[in-house]
Amino acid sequence: MDKNLCTVCGSEKKGSFCDSCKADTPSNIVISVSDTINIRDSLRVRKTVSGLRKWVSESLAGWFPSGDPKLPDGVDKSRTIDRETKEYHEIVKKYGTDEVIHEVHEPLDKHKK
């Protein structure tokens, strides 16, 4: 947004002539610039036990991109895989809302990737 303001009276003017002062006055040119930055994050935590090669539980939460053109803003995902209790839990919501797209709670041995 650009504005050309009169340095004498402060009113907006067109060109170098000020209609309020009825004279050719110097100008203050005001330029405003703005931008928006969206920050999205996610977190994954894995629990390991000494002596085992693989992790025993994993928790994942946050924003993830979606391959679905109906969800251009991505999704909020919360997933827990626990090999100790043999459970799998996942909730996928539309980004920015509480609309649940997908929800699974099942034993880990019944879960298919």
Protein backbone atom coordinates (compact mmCIF):
# COMPACT_ATOMS: atom_id res chain seq x y z
CA MET A 1 0.00 0.00 0.00
CA ASP A 2 1.61 3.26 -1.16
CA LYS A 3 0.59 6.72 0.04
CA ASN A 4 1.82 10.14 -1.04
CA LEU A 5 1.40 12.50 1.95
CA CYS A 6 1.89 16.27 2.15
CA THR A 7 4.76 17.22 4.50
CA VAL A 8 2.98 20.46 5.52
CA CYS A 9 -0.56 19.27 6.44
CA GLY A 10 -0.23 15.44 6.33
CA SER A 11 -3.17 14.87 3.97
CA GLU A 12 -2.95 12.46 1.05
CA LYS A 13 -2.25 14.13 -2.27
CA LYS A 14 -2.02 13.23 -5.96
CA GLY A 15 1.22 14.24 -7.63
CA SER A 16 3.11 17.22 -6.19
CA PHE A 17 0.10 19.56 -5.67
CA CYS A 18 -1.70 19.41 -2.29
CA ASP A 19 -5.46 20.11 -2.48
CA SER A 20 -5.57 21.01 1.26
CA CYS A 21 -2.67 23.49 1.22
CA LYS A 22 -3.48 24.69 -2.32
CA ALA A 23 0.25 24.65 -3.10
CA ASP A 24 3.07 22.59 -4.58
CA THR A 25 4.48 21.00 -1.39
CA PRO A 26 7.12 18.35 -0.64
CA SER A 27 5.91 14.76 -0.22
CA ASN A 28 6.33 11.97 2.30
CA ILE A 29 5.94 8.64 0.52
CA VAL A 30 4.71 5.84 2.79
CA ILE A 31 5.19 2.23 1.63
CA SER A 32 3.83 -0.70 3.66
CA VAL A 33 4.97 -4.28 3.10
CA SER A 34 3.73 -7.39 4.94
CA ASP A 35 4.22 -11.13 4.66
CA THR A 36 2.92 -14.24 6.42
CA ILE A 37 5.02 -17.23 7.47
CA ASN A 38 3.34 -20.50 8.45
CA ILE A 39 5.34 -22.71 10.78
CA ARG A 40 4.42 -26.36 11.09
CA ASP A 41 6.23 -28.90 13.18
CA SER A 42 6.24 -32.54 14.16
CA LEU A 43 7.99 -34.68 16.75
CA ARG A 44 9.00 -38.33 16.90
CA VAL A 45 10.25 -40.02 20.06
CA ARG A 46 11.57 -43.58 20.21
CA LYS A 47 12.19 -45.59 23.34
CA THR A 48 15.04 -48.09 23.27
CA VAL A 49 16.09 -50.73 25.77
CA SER A 50 19.68 -51.74 26.38
CA GLY A 51 20.47 -55.07 24.72
CA LEU A 52 17.76 -54.86 22.04
CA ARG A 53 18.56 -53.74 18.51
CA LYS A 54 15.14 -52.24 17.70
CA TRP A 55 13.18 -49.58 19.53
CA VAL A 56 10.37 -50.80 21.80
CA SER A 57 7.96 -47.87 21.42
CA GLU A 58 7.52 -44.88 19.17
CA SER A 59 5.32 -41.80 19.50
CA LEU A 60 4.81 -39.44 16.59
CA ALA A 61 2.75 -36.24 16.59
CA GLY A 62 2.38 -33.06 14.56
CA TRP A 63 1.81 -31.77 11.05
CA PHE A 64 2.48 -33.94 8.00
CA PRO A 65 1.90 -33.34 4.28
CA SER A 66 -0.94 -35.20 2.65
CA GLY A 67 -0.86 -36.72 -0.82
CA ASP A 68 -4.60 -36.13 -1.11
CA PRO A 69 -5.52 -33.08 -3.25
CA LYS A 70 -8.57 -32.59 -0.99
CA LEU A 71 -6.15 -31.84 1.90
CA PRO A 72 -3.69 -29.28 0.48
CA ASP A 73 -2.86 -27.94 3.97
CA GLY A 74 -1.78 -31.39 5.22
CA VAL A 75 -2.91 -33.28 8.32
CA ASP A 76 -2.31 -33.43 12.07
CA LYS A 77 -1.24 -36.95 12.99
CA SER A 78 -0.81 -38.66 16.33
CA ARG A 79 0.56 -42.22 16.30
CA THR A 80 1.83 -44.55 19.03
CA ILE A 81 3.40 -47.94 18.35
CA ASP A 82 4.21 -49.89 21.52
CA ARG A 83 5.95 -53.24 21.08
CA GLU A 84 5.96 -53.90 24.84
CA THR A 85 2.16 -53.77 25.20
CA LYS A 86 1.67 -54.77 21.53
CA GLU A 87 -0.65 -51.87 20.73
CA TYR A 88 -1.08 -49.54 17.75
CA HIS A 89 -2.95 -46.22 17.97
CA GLU A 90 -3.30 -43.60 15.23
CA ILE A 91 -5.50 -40.53 14.82
CA VAL A 92 -5.36 -38.36 11.68
CA LYS A 93 -7.20 -35.02 11.64
CA LYS A 94 -7.66 -32.35 9.00
CA TYR A 95 -5.04 -29.64 9.63
CA GLY A 96 -6.34 -26.74 11.71
CA THR A 97 -9.61 -28.46 12.67
CA ASP A 98 -10.75 -31.31 14.91
CA GLU A 99 -12.31 -33.20 11.99
CA VAL A 100 -11.10 -36.81 12.32
CA ILE A 101 -10.22 -38.36 8.95
CA HIS A 102 -8.84 -41.68 10.17
CA GLU A 103 -8.69 -43.37 13.59
CA VAL A 104 -7.26 -46.81 14.46
CA HIS A 105 -6.83 -48.53 17.84
CA GLU A 106 -5.84 -52.18 17.51
CA PRO A 107 -3.39 -54.85 18.64
CA LEU A 108 -0.04 -54.48 16.89
CA ASP A 109 -0.19 -58.01 15.41
CA LYS A 110 -3.53 -57.15 13.68
CA HIS A 111 -2.20 -53.89 12.19
CA LYS A 112 -1.34 -53.82 8.49
CA LYS A 113 0.83 -51.08 7.01
